[in-house]
Amino acid sequence: MNERLKHHLTHLKRRLRIRTFRSSLSSLEAAPQFALLGILAGLFTGFIIIAFRWVVETTLNLLLPAGPESFEQLNRIDRFLLPVAGALTLALMFSFLKLSDRQLGVTYVLRRLQQHQGYIPLRSLFIQFIAGALALISGQTGGREGPAIHLGAATSSYLGQVLKLPNNSMRVLIGCGAAAAIGSSFNTPIAGVIFSMEVIVMEYTVAGFMPVILAAVTGTLIVQQVFGDAPIFQVPGIGMDSFWDLPWVLIEGILIAVLAAGLIRLMIATQKHAPQSIALRFILAGGCTAALGLAVPQILGIGYDSVSEALLGNLPLFMLLCIAATKLIATAVNLGLGMPIGLIGPTLVIGALAGGSFWQLASTFSNTLSEPGFYVILGMGAMMGAALQAPLAALMALVELTRNPEIVLPAMACIVVAHITVANGFRLPSIFQAQATMLGQDLHRNAMSLTLSRASVESVMSRNFVTTERYLTVTQANALLTQKPDWILIKDEDNNLLLSAADLSRALASSEVESTEDQLDLKSIPGERKNIAKVTWQATLDEAFDIIAREHVEALYVVRVPAPLVEHPVGIVLPTDIERFYKS
């Protein structure tokens, strides 16, 4: 008997500790708790990225003995059949999936974050893992970072779902997963943090930075234990030799912006004219990649080997132009047709080859230019920053990918010029926003919505209330008031109402009440009653604000649901509480 009692007490203490932990996460001020979440998100994301990279790279090493990037070593028949076979396999796989399960990648993560409070179904993790691996193994022109971001976000989201965390912390977890995915995929933890804040979370807050930083560092360190910490590109000490390079740097930024705008517009046009059948879209994408790969095999796969050659100046101008043009076309077509691939890798490759081409053309007009690798590096950052409209993430990615701080100043100039040209000159959204618009989704959020998403209703709710039925005796009413509540939640079959305890006290003190056995109708006594709606304790203040506006109520009561069909009211939220938080 004592052992059973001890077991129950231990179980109760554990539940109380978990509930306290969840409650502490209702506001971003819980720094230690969010730090722990960041480490856990980075840890689990690191493991899933290791598994994904191992599957892709091990399979490619079996198919391509010369290395996972050596698609050009395949004979012409195999070079054509491999992308086609991959596309056919994906077409068959996706034809059996529900429509809601077919959306993958960064755009899907952004949609789940905005419309579903960051809840990503676990099955989408497995679908992205398999689909992303098949696409990369079969040589589809794309990068691994798109699937990696989805995998990291889904893993972190599932962690939050298992722990039953409030919705505001789910947003932080998604940011942690994305940062860890980018950091561990490229060995660029700082770029992962900036990308997550610029593209995924879409805001910068001091409190939000800390868990995201810890996640990126943890995920990167985990992956480095398996794949090492060597930079993707081996770059000698390249920098700007003189300020005479600066005009050419600005011109390069403008020309790269033209390519970025072309990539976005071609992707939009492809999607606009794409067939409805997902199977047919994948077959067309695979056929396009295979056909272009026959002529220019360097476009198959990610293409980082071509970047390394361009950095060393080993590729002639015609080859640089051919690879850049075909890579751009293949990437835009694949993205427009919905192939489950990443686009950061292709933007780096296209930008690098375009930068190398620019140097060779510019060097015919000036003999004072810096090394060709300098313009290759700038092209990479400019293309990434312009296409993603994430200039700071692009800058940090350059520094970490090349481990060359000497390019920071000219890279800032080139990236900013490219970003402004695309955003203001061509008036185009980021490529992720364009993808969302093609799917009929609006990912823009106003400042108020972002602010209210940082905290849950539990952080502002009043716990000083009592719950009662509509009818009760004077004795029962007096007993309620002895608890000194501020509010009385009236539960009724028709509709629930909120009554001020002061109004009930005044009603009891009136001369109309003669006996302690008199029955009171709390819906009829003098006083102001507020229409009230229900909200779960996990909801953010943004969700609460939407419910108040949508249902035209004057207050919300917060409930916990310990079991199906069982609700426990735990707090009251007024519009003034939400307003007070926003103004603070």
Protein backbone atom coordinates (compact mmCIF):
# COMPACT_ATOMS: atom_id res chain seq x y z
CA MET A 1 0.00 0.00 0.00
CA ASN A 2 2.81 2.38 0.92
CA GLU A 3 4.62 1.57 -2.32
CA ARG A 4 1.51 2.31 -4.35
CA LEU A 5 1.00 5.60 -2.50
CA LYS A 6 4.64 6.53 -3.06
CA HIS A 7 4.27 5.73 -6.76
CA HIS A 8 1.17 7.93 -7.05
CA LEU A 9 2.89 10.79 -5.22
CA THR A 10 5.94 10.54 -7.48
CA HIS A 11 3.72 10.54 -10.56
CA LEU A 12 1.81 13.57 -9.24
CA LYS A 13 5.03 15.51 -8.56
CA ARG A 14 6.26 14.75 -12.05
CA ARG A 15 3.00 15.99 -13.57
CA LEU A 16 3.17 19.16 -11.48
CA ARG A 17 6.76 19.82 -12.59
CA ILE A 18 5.80 19.37 -16.27
CA ARG A 19 2.78 21.65 -15.84
CA THR A 20 4.96 24.28 -14.15
CA PHE A 21 7.44 24.00 -17.03
CA ARG A 22 4.65 24.46 -19.59
CA SER A 23 3.20 27.42 -17.72
CA SER A 24 6.59 29.12 -17.52
CA LEU A 25 6.81 29.02 -21.33
CA SER A 26 3.69 31.16 -21.72
CA SER A 27 5.97 34.20 -22.00
CA LEU A 28 9.35 34.65 -23.70
CA GLU A 29 10.73 35.89 -20.38
CA ALA A 30 11.34 32.26 -19.35
CA ALA A 31 14.94 32.31 -20.60
CA PRO A 32 16.26 29.10 -18.95
CA GLN A 33 13.28 27.05 -20.12
CA PHE A 34 13.53 28.32 -23.71
CA ALA A 35 17.29 27.71 -23.64
CA LEU A 36 16.62 24.08 -22.73
CA LEU A 37 14.09 23.80 -25.57
CA GLY A 38 16.64 25.25 -28.00
CA ILE A 39 19.23 22.66 -27.02
CA LEU A 40 16.73 19.81 -27.33
CA ALA A 41 15.51 21.06 -30.72
CA GLY A 42 19.10 21.33 -31.98
CA LEU A 43 19.92 17.87 -30.65
CA PHE A 44 17.03 16.07 -32.32
CA THR A 45 17.36 18.10 -35.52
CA GLY A 46 21.06 17.20 -35.66
CA PHE A 47 20.24 13.50 -35.47
CA ILE A 48 17.60 13.68 -38.23
CA ILE A 49 19.96 15.68 -40.49
CA ILE A 50 22.70 13.09 -39.93
CA ALA A 51 20.29 10.35 -41.00
CA PHE A 52 19.15 12.33 -44.06
CA ARG A 53 22.66 13.20 -45.24
CA TRP A 54 23.89 9.67 -44.61
CA VAL A 55 21.12 8.16 -46.74
CA VAL A 56 21.70 10.63 -49.58
CA GLU A 57 25.49 10.60 -49.59
CA THR A 58 25.87 6.85 -49.05
CA THR A 59 23.51 6.10 -51.93
CA LEU A 60 25.22 8.63 -54.21
CA ASN A 61 28.63 7.17 -53.39
CA LEU A 62 27.33 3.77 -54.51
CA LEU A 63 25.89 5.21 -57.73
CA LEU A 64 28.78 7.59 -58.42
CA PRO A 65 32.13 6.03 -57.44
CA ALA A 66 33.99 9.25 -58.27
CA GLY A 67 32.03 11.17 -55.63
CA PRO A 68 28.49 12.32 -54.80
CA GLU A 69 28.78 15.31 -57.16
CA SER A 70 30.21 13.49 -60.18
CA PHE A 71 27.05 13.06 -62.25
CA GLU A 72 29.00 14.14 -65.33
CA GLN A 73 30.98 10.87 -65.08
CA LEU A 74 27.84 8.88 -65.96
CA ASN A 75 27.32 7.79 -69.55
CA ARG A 76 24.67 9.65 -71.52
CA ILE A 77 21.98 6.97 -71.12
CA ASP A 78 22.39 6.73 -67.34
CA ARG A 79 22.58 10.50 -67.09
CA PHE A 80 19.18 10.73 -68.73
CA LEU A 81 17.53 7.76 -67.06
CA LEU A 82 18.51 8.62 -63.47
CA PRO A 83 16.49 11.91 -63.17
CA VAL A 84 13.60 10.37 -65.14
CA ALA A 85 13.50 7.29 -62.90
CA GLY A 86 13.59 9.51 -59.79
CA ALA A 87 10.76 11.66 -61.11
CA LEU A 88 8.65 8.59 -61.98
CA THR A 89 9.17 7.17 -58.48
CA LEU A 90 8.15 10.47 -56.89
CA ALA A 91 5.14 10.70 -59.21
CA LEU A 92 3.99 7.24 -58.17
CA MET A 93 4.55 7.99 -54.49
CA PHE A 94 2.72 11.33 -54.51
CA SER A 95 -0.22 9.98 -56.48
CA PHE A 96 -1.13 7.89 -53.41
CA LEU A 97 -0.85 10.83 -50.97
CA LYS A 98 -3.67 13.08 -49.87
CA LEU A 99 -3.58 16.63 -51.20
CA SER A 100 -2.71 17.99 -47.74
CA ASP A 101 0.35 15.70 -47.55
CA ARG A 102 1.84 16.80 -50.87
CA GLN A 103 3.05 20.22 -49.73
CA LEU A 104 6.64 20.14 -48.53
CA GLY A 105 9.57 22.46 -47.97
CA VAL A 106 10.03 25.93 -46.54
CA THR A 107 6.73 27.30 -47.84
CA TYR A 108 4.86 24.49 -46.11
CA VAL A 109 6.66 25.26 -42.84
CA LEU A 110 5.73 28.94 -43.13
CA ARG A 111 2.10 28.05 -43.77
CA ARG A 112 1.90 25.70 -40.80
CA LEU A 113 3.53 28.35 -38.64
CA GLN A 114 1.04 31.04 -39.63
CA GLN A 115 -2.18 29.07 -39.97
CA HIS A 116 -1.66 26.13 -37.59
CA GLN A 117 0.47 27.66 -34.81
CA GLY A 118 3.48 25.58 -35.88
CA TYR A 119 1.84 22.17 -35.54
CA ILE A 120 3.38 19.98 -38.26
CA PRO A 121 2.06 16.41 -38.64
CA LEU A 122 4.67 13.73 -37.98
CA ARG A 123 3.80 11.98 -41.25
CA SER A 124 5.03 15.02 -43.22
CA LEU A 125 8.48 14.45 -41.70
CA PHE A 126 8.65 10.95 -43.18
CA ILE A 127 7.22 12.09 -46.51
CA GLN A 128 9.80 14.90 -46.77
CA PHE A 129 12.62 12.57 -45.75
CA ILE A 130 11.81 10.03 -48.45
CA ALA A 131 10.85 12.53 -51.16
CA GLY A 132 13.85 14.79 -50.53
CA ALA A 133 16.26 11.86 -50.53
CA LEU A 134 14.81 10.47 -53.79
CA ALA A 135 15.04 13.88 -55.49
CA LEU A 136 18.67 14.43 -54.47
CA ILE A 137 19.79 10.87 -55.21
CA SER A 138 18.24 10.99 -58.69
CA GLY A 139 20.14 14.16 -59.57
CA GLN A 140 17.26 16.65 -59.60
CA THR A 141 18.76 20.12 -59.67
CA GLY A 142 18.32 21.39 -56.15
CA GLY A 143 19.82 21.58 -52.69
CA ARG A 144 19.39 19.60 -49.49
CA GLU A 145 18.64 22.62 -47.31
CA GLY A 146 14.93 22.83 -48.29
CA PRO A 147 14.18 19.29 -47.12
CA ALA A 148 16.49 19.87 -44.14
CA ILE A 149 14.52 22.92 -42.97
CA HIS A 150 11.27 20.96 -43.21
CA LEU A 151 12.82 18.03 -41.31
CA GLY A 152 14.22 20.29 -38.59
CA ALA A 153 10.97 22.23 -38.19
CA ALA A 154 8.86 19.05 -38.14
CA THR A 155 11.16 17.40 -35.60
CA SER A 156 11.05 20.43 -33.30
CA SER A 157 7.29 20.78 -33.76
CA TYR A 158 6.79 17.14 -32.78
CA LEU A 159 8.90 17.75 -29.67
CA GLY A 160 6.53 20.57 -28.70
CA GLN A 161 3.48 18.42 -29.41
CA VAL A 162 4.77 15.56 -27.26
CA LEU A 163 5.46 17.97 -24.39
CA LYS A 164 2.08 19.70 -25.01
CA LEU A 165 3.67 23.14 -24.96
CA PRO A 166 1.80 26.44 -25.40
CA ASN A 167 1.52 27.71 -28.96
CA ASN A 168 3.84 30.68 -28.50
CA SER A 169 6.69 28.29 -27.69
CA MET A 170 5.86 26.23 -30.81
CA ARG A 171 6.79 29.27 -32.88
CA VAL A 172 10.17 29.43 -31.15
CA LEU A 173 10.69 25.69 -31.66
CA ILE A 174 10.05 26.01 -35.40
CA GLY A 175 12.68 28.74 -35.55
CA CYS A 176 15.09 26.53 -33.58
CA GLY A 177 14.56 23.60 -35.94
CA ALA A 178 15.11 25.72 -39.05
CA ALA A 179 18.28 27.31 -37.64
CA ALA A 180 19.70 23.94 -36.61
CA ALA A 181 18.89 22.50 -40.05
CA ILE A 182 20.65 25.28 -41.96
CA GLY A 183 23.58 25.33 -39.54
CA SER A 184 24.10 21.57 -39.66
CA SER A 185 23.58 21.32 -43.44
CA PHE A 186 26.20 23.94 -44.35
CA ASN A 187 28.36 24.16 -41.19
CA THR A 188 27.03 27.71 -40.86
CA PRO A 189 25.37 28.15 -37.43
CA ILE A 190 25.32 31.97 -37.56
CA ALA A 191 23.73 31.99 -41.01
CA GLY A 192 21.21 29.45 -39.71
CA VAL A 193 20.22 31.79 -36.90
CA ILE A 194 19.88 34.81 -39.18
CA PHE A 195 17.98 32.85 -41.83
CA SER A 196 15.55 31.56 -39.23
CA MET A 197 14.87 35.03 -37.86
CA GLU A 198 14.68 36.70 -41.31
CA VAL A 199 12.71 34.10 -43.26
CA ILE A 200 10.95 31.74 -40.83
CA VAL A 201 10.14 33.69 -37.65
CA MET A 202 10.20 37.02 -39.57
CA GLU A 203 11.21 39.11 -36.57
CA TYR A 204 14.18 39.88 -34.37
CA THR A 205 13.81 39.77 -30.59
CA VAL A 206 16.52 39.40 -27.98
CA ALA A 207 14.52 36.75 -26.11
CA GLY A 208 13.85 34.83 -29.32
CA PHE A 209 17.50 34.83 -30.37
CA MET A 210 18.88 32.82 -27.46
CA PRO A 211 17.10 29.46 -28.00
CA VAL A 212 17.61 29.75 -31.77
CA ILE A 213 21.35 30.32 -31.29
CA LEU A 214 21.64 27.35 -28.93
CA ALA A 215 19.71 25.16 -31.39
CA ALA A 216 21.96 26.13 -34.32
CA VAL A 217 25.12 25.53 -32.31
CA THR A 218 23.90 22.20 -30.91
CA GLY A 219 22.70 20.89 -34.27
CA THR A 220 25.90 21.93 -36.04
CA LEU A 221 28.13 20.34 -33.40
CA ILE A 222 26.17 17.08 -33.56
CA VAL A 223 26.47 16.85 -37.35
CA GLN A 224 30.15 17.81 -37.29
CA GLN A 225 30.92 14.71 -35.24
CA VAL A 226 29.89 12.61 -38.25
CA PHE A 227 30.65 14.73 -41.33
CA GLY A 228 33.46 16.95 -40.02
CA ASP A 229 33.76 20.72 -39.80
CA ALA A 230 35.55 21.49 -43.06
CA PRO A 231 34.02 24.38 -45.06
CA ILE A 232 32.08 23.43 -48.17
CA PHE A 233 34.28 25.62 -50.35
CA GLN A 234 38.07 25.82 -50.00
CA VAL A 235 38.82 29.48 -50.66
CA PRO A 236 42.27 31.08 -50.48
CA GLY A 237 42.69 34.46 -48.84
CA ILE A 238 40.71 36.47 -51.39
CA GLY A 239 39.76 40.08 -50.82
CA MET A 240 39.21 43.37 -52.63
CA ASP A 241 42.62 44.49 -53.91
CA SER A 242 41.66 48.15 -54.34
CA PHE A 243 38.69 50.48 -54.21
CA TRP A 244 38.67 50.49 -58.02
CA ASP A 245 36.82 47.19 -57.68
CA LEU A 246 33.88 48.90 -55.96
CA PRO A 247 32.10 50.18 -59.14
CA TRP A 248 32.37 46.70 -60.65
CA VAL A 249 31.01 45.19 -57.42
CA LEU A 250 27.92 47.42 -57.66
CA ILE A 251 27.41 46.53 -61.32
CA GLU A 252 27.71 42.83 -60.48
CA GLY A 253 25.00 43.26 -57.82
CA ILE A 254 22.62 44.73 -60.41
CA LEU A 255 23.31 41.99 -62.98
CA ILE A 256 22.88 39.25 -60.38
CA ALA A 257 19.56 40.85 -59.40
CA VAL A 258 18.41 40.49 -63.01
CA LEU A 259 19.16 36.76 -62.81
CA ALA A 260 17.33 36.46 -59.46
CA ALA A 261 14.30 38.24 -60.91
CA GLY A 262 14.42 35.93 -63.92
CA LEU A 263 14.52 32.88 -61.62
CA ILE A 264 11.47 34.06 -59.68
CA ARG A 265 9.47 35.03 -62.76
CA LEU A 266 10.28 31.82 -64.62
CA MET A 267 9.22 29.82 -61.56
CA ILE A 268 5.93 31.73 -61.40
CA ALA A 269 5.31 31.25 -65.12
CA THR A 270 6.05 27.52 -64.87
CA GLN A 271 3.62 27.08 -62.00
CA LYS A 272 0.95 29.10 -63.79
CA HIS A 273 1.04 26.80 -66.82
CA ALA A 274 1.69 23.56 -64.91
CA PRO A 275 -0.77 20.68 -65.29
CA GLN A 276 -3.08 19.81 -62.41
CA SER A 277 -1.81 16.24 -62.05
CA ILE A 278 1.04 16.02 -59.51
CA ALA A 279 2.36 12.91 -61.27
CA LEU A 280 2.52 14.68 -64.62
CA ARG A 281 4.25 17.68 -63.03
CA PHE A 282 6.99 15.52 -61.54
CA ILE A 283 7.46 13.65 -64.83
CA LEU A 284 7.83 16.96 -66.68
CA ALA A 285 10.30 18.24 -64.08
CA GLY A 286 12.38 15.07 -64.30
CA GLY A 287 12.27 15.13 -68.10
CA CYS A 288 13.41 18.76 -68.20
CA THR A 289 16.31 18.07 -65.82
CA ALA A 290 17.31 14.95 -67.77
CA ALA A 291 17.23 16.77 -71.13
CA LEU A 292 19.26 19.71 -69.88
CA GLY A 293 21.60 17.33 -68.06
CA LEU A 294 22.41 15.58 -71.33
CA ALA A 295 23.75 18.83 -72.74
CA VAL A 296 25.22 20.25 -69.50
CA PRO A 297 25.75 17.45 -66.97
CA GLN A 298 27.13 19.87 -64.38
CA ILE A 299 23.59 21.01 -63.52
CA LEU A 300 22.65 17.61 -62.07
CA GLY A 301 22.62 17.45 -58.30
CA ILE A 302 23.60 20.40 -56.14
CA GLY A 303 26.59 21.52 -58.23
CA TYR A 304 29.11 22.55 -55.58
CA ASP A 305 31.94 20.96 -57.58
CA SER A 306 31.32 23.55 -60.31
CA VAL A 307 31.51 26.33 -57.72
CA SER A 308 34.90 25.06 -56.55
CA GLU A 309 36.17 25.09 -60.15
CA ALA A 310 34.83 28.61 -60.67
CA LEU A 311 36.54 29.82 -57.48
CA LEU A 312 39.88 28.64 -58.86
CA GLY A 313 39.19 30.21 -62.27
CA ASN A 314 39.37 26.85 -64.06
CA LEU A 315 36.19 27.21 -66.14
CA PRO A 316 36.11 29.10 -69.46
CA LEU A 317 33.54 31.82 -70.06
CA PHE A 318 31.32 29.75 -72.36
CA MET A 319 31.13 26.91 -69.83
CA LEU A 320 30.33 29.31 -66.99
CA LEU A 321 27.50 30.90 -68.97
CA CYS A 322 26.08 27.54 -70.10
CA ILE A 323 26.02 26.05 -66.59
CA ALA A 324 24.56 29.21 -65.03
CA ALA A 325 21.80 29.53 -67.65
CA THR A 326 20.78 25.85 -67.66
CA LYS A 327 20.97 25.62 -63.86
CA LEU A 328 18.67 28.64 -63.57
CA ILE A 329 16.16 27.19 -66.04
CA ALA A 330 16.19 23.73 -64.46
CA THR A 331 15.84 25.16 -60.92
CA ALA A 332 12.95 27.45 -61.86
CA VAL A 333 11.12 24.65 -63.69
CA ASN A 334 11.65 22.19 -60.83
CA LEU A 335 10.41 24.68 -58.24
CA GLY A 336 7.45 25.73 -60.37
CA LEU A 337 6.41 22.10 -60.87
CA GLY A 338 6.68 21.36 -57.14
CA MET A 339 9.74 19.10 -57.00
CA PRO A 340 10.62 18.58 -53.27
CA ILE A 341 14.09 20.15 -53.40
CA GLY A 342 15.86 23.10 -51.80
CA LEU A 343 16.66 26.34 -53.57
CA ILE A 344 19.44 27.88 -51.45
CA GLY A 345 22.05 25.54 -52.95
CA PRO A 346 21.06 26.34 -56.55
CA THR A 347 21.10 30.09 -55.87
CA LEU A 348 24.67 29.79 -54.56
CA VAL A 349 25.71 27.81 -57.64
CA ILE A 350 23.99 30.13 -60.14
CA GLY A 351 25.40 33.21 -58.40
CA ALA A 352 28.91 31.76 -58.29
CA LEU A 353 28.96 30.89 -62.01
CA ALA A 354 27.40 34.23 -62.93
CA GLY A 355 30.03 35.98 -60.82
CA GLY A 356 32.81 34.09 -62.59
CA SER A 357 31.31 35.03 -65.96
CA PHE A 358 31.09 38.66 -64.89
CA TRP A 359 34.77 38.73 -63.93
CA GLN A 360 35.85 37.33 -67.30
CA LEU A 361 33.73 39.90 -69.15
CA ALA A 362 34.76 42.80 -66.92
CA SER A 363 38.45 41.90 -67.13
CA THR A 364 38.36 42.76 -70.86
CA PHE A 365 37.61 46.38 -69.87
CA SER A 366 39.86 46.71 -66.81
CA ASN A 367 43.15 45.16 -65.75
CA THR A 368 42.82 46.28 -62.13
CA LEU A 369 40.19 43.73 -61.05
CA SER A 370 40.75 41.46 -58.07
CA GLU A 371 41.01 37.67 -58.40
CA PRO A 372 38.13 35.84 -60.15
CA GLY A 373 37.29 34.00 -56.91
CA PHE A 374 36.44 37.35 -55.34
CA TYR A 375 33.63 37.98 -57.84
CA VAL A 376 32.50 34.35 -57.64
CA ILE A 377 32.00 34.70 -53.89
CA LEU A 378 30.14 38.00 -54.26
CA GLY A 379 27.86 36.44 -56.89
CA MET A 380 26.92 33.65 -54.50
CA GLY A 381 25.87 36.03 -51.74
CA ALA A 382 24.10 38.46 -54.07
CA MET A 383 22.03 35.73 -55.72
CA MET A 384 21.03 34.16 -52.40
CA GLY A 385 20.20 37.52 -50.79
CA ALA A 386 18.21 38.75 -53.80
CA ALA A 387 16.21 35.55 -54.42
CA LEU A 388 15.43 34.89 -50.76
CA GLN A 389 15.35 38.61 -49.83
CA ALA A 390 17.38 37.72 -46.77
CA PRO A 391 20.48 39.92 -47.16
CA LEU A 392 21.90 39.44 -43.68
CA ALA A 393 21.57 35.65 -43.86
CA ALA A 394 23.31 35.70 -47.24
CA LEU A 395 26.17 37.79 -45.86
CA MET A 396 26.71 35.51 -42.89
CA ALA A 397 26.47 32.43 -45.12
CA LEU A 398 29.29 33.80 -47.28
CA VAL A 399 31.52 34.45 -44.30
CA GLU A 400 30.94 31.00 -42.82
CA LEU A 401 31.01 29.05 -46.09
CA THR A 402 34.31 30.61 -47.15
CA ARG A 403 35.74 31.42 -43.69
CA ASN A 404 37.10 34.55 -45.28
CA PRO A 405 36.22 37.76 -43.38
CA GLU A 406 38.00 39.92 -45.95
CA ILE A 407 34.98 39.83 -48.26
CA VAL A 408 32.53 41.33 -45.73
CA LEU A 409 32.67 44.98 -46.89
CA PRO A 410 32.30 44.40 -50.66
CA ALA A 411 29.80 41.59 -50.04
CA MET A 412 27.59 43.97 -48.06
CA ALA A 413 27.56 46.42 -50.97
CA CYS A 414 26.88 43.76 -53.62
CA ILE A 415 24.16 41.97 -51.65
CA VAL A 416 22.32 45.17 -50.70
CA VAL A 417 22.35 46.42 -54.32
CA ALA A 418 21.01 43.08 -55.55
CA HIS A 419 18.34 42.98 -52.84
CA ILE A 420 17.13 46.55 -53.51
CA THR A 421 17.07 45.96 -57.28
CA VAL A 422 14.84 42.87 -56.98
CA ALA A 423 12.57 44.18 -54.21
CA ASN A 424 12.20 47.79 -55.39
CA GLY A 425 13.32 47.76 -58.99
CA PHE A 426 11.51 44.65 -60.17
CA ARG A 427 8.99 44.80 -57.28
CA LEU A 428 9.17 41.07 -56.71
CA PRO A 429 8.61 39.20 -53.44
CA SER A 430 11.04 36.65 -52.08
CA ILE A 431 10.98 33.31 -53.81
CA PHE A 432 9.28 31.75 -50.77
CA GLN A 433 6.59 34.43 -50.77
CA ALA A 434 6.13 33.90 -54.51
CA GLN A 435 5.69 30.16 -53.97
CA ALA A 436 3.10 30.81 -51.26
CA THR A 437 1.21 33.25 -53.48
CA MET A 438 1.14 30.66 -56.27
CA LEU A 439 -0.53 28.28 -53.82
CA GLY A 440 -3.10 30.92 -52.81
CA GLN A 441 -1.51 31.63 -49.43
CA ASP A 442 -0.66 34.96 -47.83
CA LEU A 443 2.29 34.69 -45.46
CA HIS A 444 2.44 38.38 -44.54
CA ARG A 445 1.78 39.18 -40.89
CA ASN A 446 1.35 42.61 -39.33
CA ALA A 447 3.40 43.85 -36.39
CA MET A 448 0.56 43.44 -33.91
CA SER A 449 -0.01 39.80 -34.86
CA LEU A 450 3.70 39.01 -34.51
CA THR A 451 3.86 40.69 -31.10
CA LEU A 452 0.81 38.90 -29.74
CA SER A 453 2.17 35.56 -31.00
CA ARG A 454 5.06 35.78 -28.55
CA ALA A 455 2.94 35.03 -25.47
CA SER A 456 0.17 32.64 -24.58
CA VAL A 457 -3.09 33.47 -22.82
CA GLU A 458 -1.74 31.94 -19.63
CA SER A 459 0.77 34.79 -19.29
CA VAL A 460 -1.96 37.45 -18.91
CA MET A 461 -5.05 35.61 -17.68
CA SER A 462 -6.63 36.28 -14.31
CA ARG A 463 -6.92 33.25 -12.07
CA ASN A 464 -9.06 35.09 -9.50
CA PHE A 465 -12.48 33.80 -10.54
CA VAL A 466 -15.06 31.18 -9.59
CA THR A 467 -17.34 29.02 -11.69
CA THR A 468 -20.99 28.48 -10.82
CA GLU A 469 -24.35 27.50 -12.30
CA ARG A 470 -26.95 30.05 -13.33
CA TYR A 471 -29.26 29.44 -10.35
CA LEU A 472 -28.07 29.38 -6.74
CA THR A 473 -29.31 30.32 -3.28
CA VAL A 474 -28.24 33.37 -1.29
CA THR A 475 -26.21 31.10 0.98
CA GLN A 476 -24.38 29.63 -1.98
CA ALA A 477 -23.79 33.11 -3.41
CA ASN A 478 -22.30 34.33 -0.12
CA ALA A 479 -20.08 31.25 -0.04
CA LEU A 480 -18.77 32.16 -3.49
CA LEU A 481 -17.96 35.70 -2.39
CA THR A 482 -15.98 34.48 0.62
CA GLN A 483 -13.36 33.30 -1.93
CA LYS A 484 -12.93 37.00 -2.91
CA PRO A 485 -13.06 36.50 -6.68
CA ASP A 486 -12.93 39.27 -9.25
CA TRP A 487 -15.13 37.44 -11.72
CA ILE A 488 -17.88 34.84 -11.70
CA LEU A 489 -18.10 32.51 -14.69
CA ILE A 490 -21.76 31.54 -15.17
CA LYS A 491 -22.04 28.13 -16.84
CA ASP A 492 -25.36 27.62 -18.61
CA GLU A 493 -26.66 25.35 -21.35
CA ASP A 494 -27.71 28.30 -23.53
CA ASN A 495 -24.60 30.42 -23.27
CA ASN A 496 -21.91 31.20 -20.73
CA LEU A 497 -21.57 34.68 -19.26
CA LEU A 498 -19.08 36.56 -17.11
CA LEU A 499 -20.34 38.55 -14.13
CA SER A 500 -18.37 40.89 -11.92
CA ALA A 501 -18.21 39.71 -8.29
CA ALA A 502 -18.91 43.32 -7.25
CA ASP A 503 -22.27 43.20 -9.06
CA LEU A 504 -23.25 40.02 -7.21
CA SER A 505 -22.24 41.59 -3.91
CA ARG A 506 -24.42 44.63 -4.60
CA ALA A 507 -27.34 42.38 -5.54
CA LEU A 508 -27.04 40.49 -2.25
CA ALA A 509 -26.94 43.73 -0.30
CA SER A 510 -30.14 45.03 -1.94
CA SER A 511 -33.50 44.97 -0.13
CA GLU A 512 -34.93 42.54 -2.71
CA VAL A 513 -33.16 39.63 -1.04
CA GLU A 514 -35.17 38.66 2.06
CA SER A 515 -34.19 35.06 2.87
CA THR A 516 -31.00 33.03 2.64
CA GLU A 517 -33.03 30.39 0.83
CA ASP A 518 -34.12 32.77 -1.89
CA GLN A 519 -32.93 31.60 -5.29
CA LEU A 520 -30.96 33.98 -7.47
CA ASP A 521 -30.87 33.98 -11.24
CA LEU A 522 -27.40 35.27 -12.06
CA LYS A 523 -28.58 36.18 -15.55
CA SER A 524 -31.32 38.43 -14.17
CA ILE A 525 -29.81 40.28 -11.20
CA PRO A 526 -28.72 43.88 -11.80
CA GLY A 527 -25.22 44.02 -13.23
CA GLU A 528 -23.20 44.03 -16.40
CA ARG A 529 -22.70 40.60 -17.91
CA LYS A 530 -20.09 39.94 -20.60
CA ASN A 531 -20.54 37.51 -23.45
CA ILE A 532 -17.72 35.04 -23.19
CA ALA A 533 -16.09 32.40 -25.40
CA LYS A 534 -13.70 29.56 -24.75
CA VAL A 535 -9.98 29.35 -25.56
CA THR A 536 -7.46 26.64 -24.72
CA TRP A 537 -4.56 27.42 -22.41
CA GLN A 538 -2.07 26.73 -25.25
CA ALA A 539 -3.45 29.53 -27.45
CA THR A 540 -1.41 32.65 -28.13
CA LEU A 541 -2.72 36.13 -27.48
CA ASP A 542 -3.00 36.54 -31.25
CA GLU A 543 -5.39 33.58 -31.40
CA ALA A 544 -7.32 34.99 -28.43
CA PHE A 545 -7.62 38.37 -30.15
CA ASP A 546 -8.94 36.68 -33.31
CA ILE A 547 -11.57 34.74 -31.32
CA ILE A 548 -12.80 37.91 -29.59
CA ALA A 549 -13.11 39.69 -32.94
CA ARG A 550 -14.63 36.75 -34.81
CA GLU A 551 -17.21 35.74 -32.20
CA HIS A 552 -17.98 39.29 -31.01
CA VAL A 553 -17.46 38.46 -27.34
CA GLU A 554 -16.22 40.65 -24.52
CA ALA A 555 -14.05 38.12 -22.69
CA LEU A 556 -12.58 34.63 -22.87
CA TYR A 557 -12.33 31.86 -20.33
CA VAL A 558 -9.25 29.68 -20.56
CA VAL A 559 -9.62 25.91 -20.25
CA ARG A 560 -7.35 22.93 -19.82
CA VAL A 561 -8.45 19.63 -21.35
CA PRO A 562 -6.91 16.81 -19.29
CA ALA A 563 -9.03 14.20 -21.09
CA PRO A 564 -11.48 14.09 -24.01
CA LEU A 565 -14.75 15.90 -23.21
CA VAL A 566 -13.31 17.08 -19.88
CA GLU A 567 -12.65 20.81 -19.47
CA HIS A 568 -11.32 22.71 -16.49
CA PRO A 569 -11.62 26.55 -16.58
CA VAL A 570 -8.35 28.01 -15.32
CA GLY A 571 -8.46 31.72 -16.13
CA ILE A 572 -10.18 34.78 -17.59
CA VAL A 573 -8.79 36.98 -20.37
CA LEU A 574 -10.21 40.41 -21.20
CA PRO A 575 -9.43 42.53 -24.26
CA THR A 576 -7.78 45.01 -21.91
CA ASP A 577 -5.32 42.30 -20.85
CA ILE A 578 -4.30 41.76 -24.46
CA GLU A 579 -4.05 45.50 -25.08
CA ARG A 580 -1.90 45.95 -21.98
CA PHE A 581 0.53 43.26 -23.16
CA TYR A 582 0.78 44.78 -26.65
CA LYS A 583 1.50 48.26 -25.32
CA SER A 584 4.09 46.95 -22.89
